[in-house]
């Protein structure tokens, strides 16, 4: 049983690193939330997990974007030194309904700079996972990770 005074530690991992049972728990939760099934037993059967697995993990796994709406997320990026790249990154964040709170960029050395951004994910609008996917696809963004969130 979880101690309420215990500090919770969160990790952000890519989907490929998550065990299949946990992904199936997320799928089962989506089925229940959508109303496509009415009971945990039905959701468990449709996703191929046991009810006990569902109950064991249901409060410990959730899609990243579900927990970030209305919160702040700090990204760290490594960028090639290119004209207009920072502007493109800011535009992409705005298009994903993110509000940039802080931005710190290092001076480029050997054509590479580090960028730290704290972004507020607007409640009911923003999606951090979608934002990350779009940012990673920008040419000359070499590296992107979530440093933390609140």
N, C-alpha and C. Protein backbone atom coordinates (compact mmCIF):
# COMPACT_ATOMS: atom_id res chain seq x y z
N UNK A 1 0.84 -1.18 0.00
CA UNK A 1 0.00 0.00 0.00
C UNK A 1 0.89 1.25 0.00
N UNK A 2 0.49 2.22 -0.79
CA UNK A 2 1.28 3.44 -0.94
C UNK A 2 1.10 4.36 0.26
N UNK A 3 2.22 4.85 0.75
CA UNK A 3 2.22 5.79 1.86
C UNK A 3 1.95 7.19 1.32
N UNK A 4 0.94 7.87 1.82
CA UNK A 4 0.57 9.20 1.32
C UNK A 4 1.66 10.24 1.57
N UNK A 5 2.52 10.03 2.57
CA UNK A 5 3.59 10.97 2.86
C UNK A 5 4.83 10.73 2.00
N UNK A 6 4.83 9.59 1.30
CA UNK A 6 5.96 9.24 0.46
C UNK A 6 6.00 10.16 -0.76
N UNK A 7 7.18 10.64 -1.11
CA UNK A 7 7.32 11.49 -2.28
C UNK A 7 7.16 10.64 -3.54
N UNK A 8 6.32 11.09 -4.45
CA UNK A 8 6.13 10.38 -5.71
C UNK A 8 7.21 10.82 -6.68
N UNK A 9 7.77 9.86 -7.37
CA UNK A 9 8.77 10.15 -8.39
C UNK A 9 8.17 9.74 -9.73
N UNK A 10 8.25 10.64 -10.70
CA UNK A 10 7.70 10.38 -12.02
C UNK A 10 8.82 10.26 -13.03
N UNK A 11 8.59 9.43 -14.03
CA UNK A 11 9.53 9.25 -15.12
C UNK A 11 8.79 9.48 -16.42
N UNK A 12 9.47 10.04 -17.38
CA UNK A 12 8.92 10.16 -18.71
C UNK A 12 9.74 9.23 -19.59
N UNK A 13 9.08 8.25 -20.19
CA UNK A 13 9.76 7.29 -21.06
C UNK A 13 9.02 7.21 -22.38
N UNK A 14 9.74 6.85 -23.41
CA UNK A 14 9.10 6.66 -24.71
C UNK A 14 8.28 5.38 -24.68
N UNK A 15 7.26 5.34 -25.51
CA UNK A 15 6.34 4.20 -25.54
C UNK A 15 7.07 2.88 -25.74
N UNK A 16 8.11 2.87 -26.57
CA UNK A 16 8.82 1.61 -26.85
C UNK A 16 9.49 1.02 -25.61
N UNK A 17 9.68 1.82 -24.57
CA UNK A 17 10.33 1.34 -23.35
C UNK A 17 9.33 0.85 -22.31
N UNK A 18 8.04 1.02 -22.57
CA UNK A 18 7.00 0.66 -21.59
C UNK A 18 6.58 -0.80 -21.81
N UNK A 19 6.55 -1.61 -20.75
CA UNK A 19 6.11 -3.00 -20.89
C UNK A 19 4.69 -3.08 -21.45
N UNK A 20 4.46 -4.12 -22.23
CA UNK A 20 3.18 -4.29 -22.92
C UNK A 20 1.99 -4.28 -21.96
N UNK A 21 2.12 -4.87 -20.79
CA UNK A 21 1.00 -4.91 -19.85
C UNK A 21 0.56 -3.50 -19.46
N UNK A 22 1.52 -2.58 -19.30
CA UNK A 22 1.15 -1.21 -18.94
C UNK A 22 0.44 -0.50 -20.09
N UNK A 23 0.88 -0.75 -21.32
CA UNK A 23 0.20 -0.16 -22.47
C UNK A 23 -1.23 -0.68 -22.59
N UNK A 24 -1.41 -1.95 -22.24
CA UNK A 24 -2.76 -2.54 -22.28
C UNK A 24 -3.64 -1.96 -21.18
N UNK A 25 -3.07 -1.62 -20.05
CA UNK A 25 -3.83 -0.96 -18.98
C UNK A 25 -4.33 0.40 -19.48
N UNK A 26 -3.47 1.15 -20.17
CA UNK A 26 -3.88 2.44 -20.73
C UNK A 26 -5.02 2.23 -21.73
N UNK A 27 -4.88 1.21 -22.57
CA UNK A 27 -5.92 0.91 -23.56
C UNK A 27 -7.25 0.56 -22.87
N UNK A 28 -7.17 -0.23 -21.81
CA UNK A 28 -8.37 -0.60 -21.05
C UNK A 28 -9.03 0.63 -20.43
N UNK A 29 -8.22 1.53 -19.90
CA UNK A 29 -8.76 2.77 -19.31
C UNK A 29 -9.47 3.61 -20.36
N UNK A 30 -8.91 3.65 -21.57
CA UNK A 30 -9.55 4.40 -22.66
C UNK A 30 -10.89 3.77 -23.03
N UNK A 31 -10.95 2.45 -23.06
CA UNK A 31 -12.22 1.78 -23.36
C UNK A 31 -13.28 2.12 -22.31
N UNK A 32 -12.88 2.10 -21.06
CA UNK A 32 -13.82 2.42 -19.98
C UNK A 32 -14.27 3.89 -20.05
N UNK A 33 -13.31 4.80 -20.29
CA UNK A 33 -13.63 6.23 -20.37
C UNK A 33 -14.54 6.55 -21.55
N UNK A 34 -14.38 5.82 -22.64
CA UNK A 34 -15.17 6.09 -23.84
C UNK A 34 -16.59 5.54 -23.75
N UNK A 35 -16.81 4.63 -22.80
CA UNK A 35 -18.12 4.01 -22.67
C UNK A 35 -18.30 2.81 -23.60
N UNK A 36 -17.26 2.41 -24.30
CA UNK A 36 -17.35 1.26 -25.21
C UNK A 36 -17.51 -0.04 -24.44
N UNK A 37 -17.04 -0.05 -23.21
CA UNK A 37 -17.27 -1.18 -22.31
C UNK A 37 -17.73 -0.61 -20.98
N UNK A 38 -18.45 -1.40 -20.23
CA UNK A 38 -19.02 -0.91 -18.98
C UNK A 38 -18.32 -1.42 -17.74
N UNK A 39 -17.61 -2.52 -17.88
CA UNK A 39 -16.98 -3.10 -16.69
C UNK A 39 -15.48 -3.28 -16.91
N UNK A 40 -14.76 -3.35 -15.80
CA UNK A 40 -13.33 -3.61 -15.85
C UNK A 40 -13.08 -4.98 -16.46
N UNK A 41 -13.94 -5.94 -16.14
CA UNK A 41 -13.79 -7.30 -16.68
C UNK A 41 -13.82 -7.26 -18.21
N UNK A 42 -14.78 -6.51 -18.79
CA UNK A 42 -14.88 -6.41 -20.25
C UNK A 42 -13.63 -5.74 -20.84
N UNK A 43 -13.19 -4.66 -20.20
CA UNK A 43 -12.01 -3.94 -20.69
C UNK A 43 -10.78 -4.85 -20.62
N UNK A 44 -10.64 -5.58 -19.54
CA UNK A 44 -9.49 -6.48 -19.38
C UNK A 44 -9.52 -7.57 -20.45
N UNK A 45 -10.69 -8.16 -20.68
CA UNK A 45 -10.81 -9.21 -21.70
C UNK A 45 -10.47 -8.68 -23.09
N UNK A 46 -10.96 -7.50 -23.42
CA UNK A 46 -10.72 -6.94 -24.75
C UNK A 46 -9.26 -6.58 -24.98
N UNK A 47 -8.55 -6.23 -23.94
CA UNK A 47 -7.15 -5.84 -24.09
C UNK A 47 -6.17 -6.97 -23.78
N UNK A 48 -6.69 -8.10 -23.28
CA UNK A 48 -5.83 -9.25 -23.04
C UNK A 48 -5.03 -9.20 -21.75
N UNK A 49 -5.57 -8.54 -20.74
CA UNK A 49 -4.90 -8.52 -19.44
C UNK A 49 -5.87 -9.05 -18.38
N UNK A 50 -5.33 -9.33 -17.22
CA UNK A 50 -6.19 -9.78 -16.13
C UNK A 50 -6.76 -8.56 -15.40
N UNK A 51 -7.86 -8.77 -14.71
CA UNK A 51 -8.42 -7.68 -13.90
C UNK A 51 -7.43 -7.25 -12.83
N UNK A 52 -6.72 -8.21 -12.26
CA UNK A 52 -5.76 -7.86 -11.20
C UNK A 52 -4.64 -6.97 -11.75
N UNK A 53 -4.20 -7.22 -12.99
CA UNK A 53 -3.18 -6.34 -13.60
C UNK A 53 -3.73 -4.94 -13.79
N UNK A 54 -4.99 -4.86 -14.22
CA UNK A 54 -5.61 -3.55 -14.41
C UNK A 54 -5.61 -2.78 -13.09
N UNK A 55 -6.11 -3.41 -12.03
CA UNK A 55 -6.20 -2.73 -10.74
C UNK A 55 -4.82 -2.42 -10.15
N UNK A 56 -3.85 -3.29 -10.41
CA UNK A 56 -2.52 -3.09 -9.88
C UNK A 56 -1.87 -1.83 -10.47
N UNK A 57 -2.09 -1.57 -11.77
CA UNK A 57 -1.38 -0.50 -12.46
C UNK A 57 -2.22 0.71 -12.87
N UNK A 58 -3.52 0.66 -12.69
CA UNK A 58 -4.40 1.71 -13.23
C UNK A 58 -4.08 3.12 -12.75
N UNK A 59 -3.58 3.24 -11.54
CA UNK A 59 -3.27 4.57 -11.01
C UNK A 59 -1.82 4.99 -11.25
N UNK A 60 -1.06 4.12 -11.89
CA UNK A 60 0.36 4.39 -12.07
C UNK A 60 0.78 4.64 -13.52
N UNK A 61 -0.13 4.47 -14.47
CA UNK A 61 0.22 4.69 -15.87
C UNK A 61 -0.86 5.56 -16.52
N UNK A 62 -0.40 6.53 -17.27
CA UNK A 62 -1.32 7.42 -17.98
C UNK A 62 -0.55 8.05 -19.13
N UNK A 63 -1.25 8.40 -20.20
CA UNK A 63 -0.56 9.09 -21.29
C UNK A 63 0.02 10.40 -20.80
N UNK A 64 1.19 10.74 -21.29
CA UNK A 64 1.90 11.95 -20.87
C UNK A 64 1.02 13.18 -21.00
N UNK A 65 0.31 13.34 -22.09
CA UNK A 65 -0.47 14.55 -22.31
C UNK A 65 -1.62 14.70 -21.32
N UNK A 66 -2.16 13.60 -20.81
CA UNK A 66 -3.27 13.69 -19.85
C UNK A 66 -2.84 14.39 -18.56
N UNK A 67 -1.59 14.21 -18.17
CA UNK A 67 -1.11 14.77 -16.92
C UNK A 67 -0.43 16.12 -17.07
N UNK A 68 -0.23 16.58 -18.30
CA UNK A 68 0.49 17.83 -18.49
C UNK A 68 -0.41 19.00 -18.81
N UNK A 69 -1.68 18.76 -19.12
CA UNK A 69 -2.56 19.88 -19.46
C UNK A 69 -2.70 20.80 -18.26
N UNK A 70 -2.46 22.08 -18.50
CA UNK A 70 -2.55 23.06 -17.43
C UNK A 70 -1.33 23.09 -16.53
N UNK A 71 -0.26 22.45 -16.97
CA UNK A 71 0.95 22.38 -16.17
C UNK A 71 2.13 22.95 -16.93
N UNK A 72 3.25 23.03 -16.24
CA UNK A 72 4.48 23.52 -16.86
C UNK A 72 5.40 22.35 -17.16
N UNK A 73 6.03 22.39 -18.33
CA UNK A 73 6.98 21.36 -18.74
C UNK A 73 8.26 22.06 -19.18
N UNK A 74 9.40 21.56 -18.71
CA UNK A 74 10.68 22.11 -19.12
C UNK A 74 11.35 21.15 -20.10
N UNK A 75 11.65 21.66 -21.28
CA UNK A 75 12.32 20.90 -22.32
C UNK A 75 13.78 21.36 -22.41
N UNK A 76 14.67 20.44 -22.71
CA UNK A 76 16.05 20.76 -23.02
C UNK A 76 16.31 20.25 -24.44
N UNK A 77 16.90 21.13 -25.26
CA UNK A 77 17.12 20.78 -26.66
C UNK A 77 18.56 21.11 -27.06
N UNK A 78 19.09 20.35 -27.98
CA UNK A 78 20.36 20.67 -28.61
C UNK A 78 20.04 21.02 -30.06
N UNK A 79 20.51 22.19 -30.49
CA UNK A 79 20.16 22.73 -31.80
C UNK A 79 21.40 23.05 -32.62
N UNK A 80 21.26 22.88 -33.93
CA UNK A 80 22.29 23.41 -34.83
C UNK A 80 22.11 24.91 -34.89
N UNK A 81 23.21 25.62 -35.07
CA UNK A 81 23.16 27.08 -35.20
C UNK A 81 22.66 27.40 -36.60
N UNK A 82 21.39 27.83 -36.71
CA UNK A 82 20.79 28.11 -38.02
C UNK A 82 19.85 29.30 -37.90
N UNK A 83 19.90 30.20 -38.85
CA UNK A 83 19.00 31.36 -38.83
C UNK A 83 17.53 30.93 -38.84
N UNK A 84 16.73 31.52 -37.98
CA UNK A 84 15.29 31.27 -37.95
C UNK A 84 14.85 30.04 -37.19
N UNK A 85 15.81 29.22 -36.70
CA UNK A 85 15.44 27.98 -36.01
C UNK A 85 14.70 28.26 -34.71
N UNK A 86 15.18 29.19 -33.92
CA UNK A 86 14.52 29.52 -32.65
C UNK A 86 13.10 30.03 -32.91
N UNK A 87 12.94 30.85 -33.92
CA UNK A 87 11.62 31.36 -34.29
C UNK A 87 10.68 30.22 -34.68
N UNK A 88 11.19 29.25 -35.43
CA UNK A 88 10.38 28.10 -35.84
C UNK A 88 9.96 27.27 -34.62
N UNK A 89 10.87 27.11 -33.67
CA UNK A 89 10.55 26.37 -32.44
C UNK A 89 9.45 27.09 -31.66
N UNK A 90 9.58 28.39 -31.51
CA UNK A 90 8.57 29.17 -30.78
C UNK A 90 7.21 29.10 -31.49
N UNK A 91 7.22 29.19 -32.81
CA UNK A 91 5.98 29.12 -33.58
C UNK A 91 5.32 27.75 -33.41
N UNK A 92 6.11 26.70 -33.44
CA UNK A 92 5.57 25.34 -33.27
C UNK A 92 4.91 25.19 -31.91
N UNK A 93 5.55 25.71 -30.87
CA UNK A 93 4.98 25.64 -29.52
C UNK A 93 3.66 26.41 -29.46
N UNK A 94 3.61 27.57 -30.05
CA UNK A 94 2.37 28.37 -30.07
C UNK A 94 1.27 27.63 -30.83
N UNK A 95 1.61 26.98 -31.94
CA UNK A 95 0.62 26.23 -32.72
C UNK A 95 0.06 25.04 -31.95
N UNK A 96 0.83 24.55 -30.99
CA UNK A 96 0.39 23.43 -30.15
C UNK A 96 -0.24 23.92 -28.84
N UNK A 97 -0.61 25.19 -28.81
CA UNK A 97 -1.26 25.80 -27.64
C UNK A 97 -0.39 25.76 -26.39
N UNK A 98 0.90 26.00 -26.58
CA UNK A 98 1.81 26.12 -25.46
C UNK A 98 2.17 27.58 -25.26
N UNK A 99 2.36 27.96 -24.03
CA UNK A 99 2.74 29.32 -23.67
C UNK A 99 4.16 29.29 -23.11
N UNK A 100 5.10 29.92 -23.81
CA UNK A 100 6.50 29.91 -23.38
C UNK A 100 6.66 30.83 -22.17
N UNK A 101 7.14 30.27 -21.07
CA UNK A 101 7.34 31.04 -19.85
C UNK A 101 8.79 31.50 -19.72
N UNK A 102 9.73 30.61 -20.04
CA UNK A 102 11.15 30.98 -20.01
C UNK A 102 11.85 30.34 -21.20
N UNK A 103 12.91 31.00 -21.66
CA UNK A 103 13.75 30.46 -22.73
C UNK A 103 15.18 30.87 -22.45
N UNK A 104 16.07 29.91 -22.40
CA UNK A 104 17.49 30.16 -22.17
C UNK A 104 18.28 29.41 -23.23
N UNK A 105 19.02 30.15 -24.04
CA UNK A 105 19.83 29.52 -25.07
C UNK A 105 21.30 29.84 -24.83
N UNK A 106 22.14 28.82 -24.93
CA UNK A 106 23.57 29.04 -24.80
C UNK A 106 24.12 29.65 -26.08
N UNK A 107 25.29 30.23 -25.97
CA UNK A 107 25.99 30.73 -27.16
C UNK A 107 26.43 29.51 -27.96
N UNK A 108 26.15 29.48 -29.26
CA UNK A 108 26.57 28.31 -30.06
C UNK A 108 28.09 28.13 -30.05
N UNK A 109 28.52 26.92 -29.81
CA UNK A 109 29.93 26.55 -29.87
C UNK A 109 30.05 25.41 -30.87
N UNK A 110 30.95 25.60 -31.84
CA UNK A 110 31.11 24.61 -32.91
C UNK A 110 29.79 24.33 -33.62
N UNK A 111 28.96 25.36 -33.77
CA UNK A 111 27.71 25.24 -34.51
C UNK A 111 26.57 24.58 -33.76
N UNK A 112 26.72 24.41 -32.44
CA UNK A 112 25.68 23.74 -31.64
C UNK A 112 25.37 24.59 -30.41
N UNK A 113 24.06 24.72 -30.10
CA UNK A 113 23.61 25.47 -28.92
C UNK A 113 22.65 24.60 -28.11
N UNK A 114 22.56 24.90 -26.84
CA UNK A 114 21.60 24.23 -25.96
C UNK A 114 20.48 25.22 -25.65
N UNK A 115 19.25 24.73 -25.70
CA UNK A 115 18.09 25.56 -25.42
C UNK A 115 17.28 24.90 -24.31
N UNK A 116 16.96 25.68 -23.29
CA UNK A 116 16.08 25.22 -22.22
C UNK A 116 14.81 26.07 -22.28
N UNK A 117 13.67 25.42 -22.37
CA UNK A 117 12.38 26.10 -22.46
C UNK A 117 11.44 25.59 -21.38
N UNK A 118 10.78 26.50 -20.70
CA UNK A 118 9.68 26.10 -19.83
C UNK A 118 8.40 26.57 -20.50
N UNK A 119 7.51 25.62 -20.71
CA UNK A 119 6.29 25.87 -21.46
C UNK A 119 5.09 25.50 -20.60
N UNK A 120 4.11 26.39 -20.58
CA UNK A 120 2.84 26.07 -19.92
C UNK A 120 1.94 25.43 -20.96
N UNK A 121 1.42 24.25 -20.63
CA UNK A 121 0.50 23.56 -21.52
C UNK A 121 -0.89 24.06 -21.16
N UNK A 122 -1.53 24.75 -22.08
CA UNK A 122 -2.80 25.40 -21.77
C UNK A 122 -3.90 24.37 -21.50
N UNK A 123 -4.65 24.54 -20.42
CA UNK A 123 -5.69 23.58 -20.04
C UNK A 123 -6.73 23.43 -21.14
N UNK A 124 -7.05 22.17 -21.43
CA UNK A 124 -8.11 21.89 -22.41
C UNK A 124 -7.69 22.09 -23.85
N UNK A 125 -6.45 22.54 -24.08
CA UNK A 125 -6.03 22.80 -25.45
C UNK A 125 -4.74 22.09 -25.79
N UNK A 126 -3.71 22.34 -24.99
CA UNK A 126 -2.37 21.87 -25.33
C UNK A 126 -2.18 20.38 -25.16
N UNK A 127 -1.23 19.84 -25.91
CA UNK A 127 -0.88 18.43 -25.84
C UNK A 127 0.64 18.33 -25.92
N UNK A 128 1.29 18.05 -24.81
CA UNK A 128 2.75 18.03 -24.75
C UNK A 128 3.34 16.95 -25.65
N UNK A 129 2.70 15.79 -25.73
CA UNK A 129 3.23 14.72 -26.57
C UNK A 129 3.23 15.14 -28.04
N UNK A 130 2.15 15.75 -28.49
CA UNK A 130 2.08 16.24 -29.86
C UNK A 130 3.13 17.32 -30.10
N UNK A 131 3.29 18.20 -29.13
CA UNK A 131 4.28 19.27 -29.22
C UNK A 131 5.69 18.67 -29.36
N UNK A 132 6.01 17.69 -28.54
CA UNK A 132 7.32 17.06 -28.61
C UNK A 132 7.56 16.40 -29.95
N UNK A 133 6.54 15.71 -30.46
CA UNK A 133 6.68 15.06 -31.77
C UNK A 133 6.98 16.07 -32.86
N UNK A 134 6.28 17.19 -32.83
CA UNK A 134 6.50 18.23 -33.85
C UNK A 134 7.88 18.87 -33.70
N UNK A 135 8.29 19.12 -32.47
CA UNK A 135 9.60 19.72 -32.24
C UNK A 135 10.73 18.80 -32.70
N UNK A 136 10.58 17.50 -32.43
CA UNK A 136 11.61 16.53 -32.82
C UNK A 136 11.76 16.44 -34.33
N UNK A 137 10.70 16.74 -35.06
CA UNK A 137 10.74 16.63 -36.53
C UNK A 137 11.33 17.86 -37.21
N UNK A 138 11.58 18.92 -36.45
CA UNK A 138 12.16 20.12 -37.03
C UNK A 138 13.61 19.85 -37.40
N UNK A 139 13.93 20.16 -38.66
CA UNK A 139 15.30 20.00 -39.12
C UNK A 139 16.24 20.84 -38.27
N UNK A 140 17.33 20.29 -37.88
CA UNK A 140 18.38 20.92 -37.07
C UNK A 140 18.11 20.88 -35.56
N UNK A 141 16.99 20.28 -35.14
CA UNK A 141 16.81 19.96 -33.72
C UNK A 141 17.46 18.60 -33.55
N UNK A 142 18.60 18.58 -32.88
CA UNK A 142 19.39 17.35 -32.77
C UNK A 142 18.93 16.45 -31.63
N UNK A 143 18.39 17.06 -30.57
CA UNK A 143 18.09 16.30 -29.36
C UNK A 143 17.00 17.03 -28.59
N UNK A 144 16.07 16.29 -28.01
CA UNK A 144 14.99 16.87 -27.21
C UNK A 144 14.66 15.92 -26.08
N UNK A 145 14.56 16.47 -24.87
CA UNK A 145 14.09 15.65 -23.75
C UNK A 145 13.30 16.52 -22.79
N UNK A 146 12.48 15.88 -21.99
CA UNK A 146 11.74 16.57 -20.93
C UNK A 146 12.63 16.58 -19.72
N UNK A 147 12.96 17.77 -19.24
CA UNK A 147 13.78 17.92 -18.04
C UNK A 147 12.95 17.73 -16.78
N UNK A 148 11.69 18.19 -16.83
CA UNK A 148 10.81 18.06 -15.68
C UNK A 148 9.46 18.69 -15.96
N UNK A 149 8.54 18.44 -15.07
CA UNK A 149 7.21 19.06 -15.17
C UNK A 149 6.64 19.21 -13.77
N UNK A 150 5.65 20.11 -13.66
CA UNK A 150 4.99 20.28 -12.35
C UNK A 150 3.52 20.09 -12.49
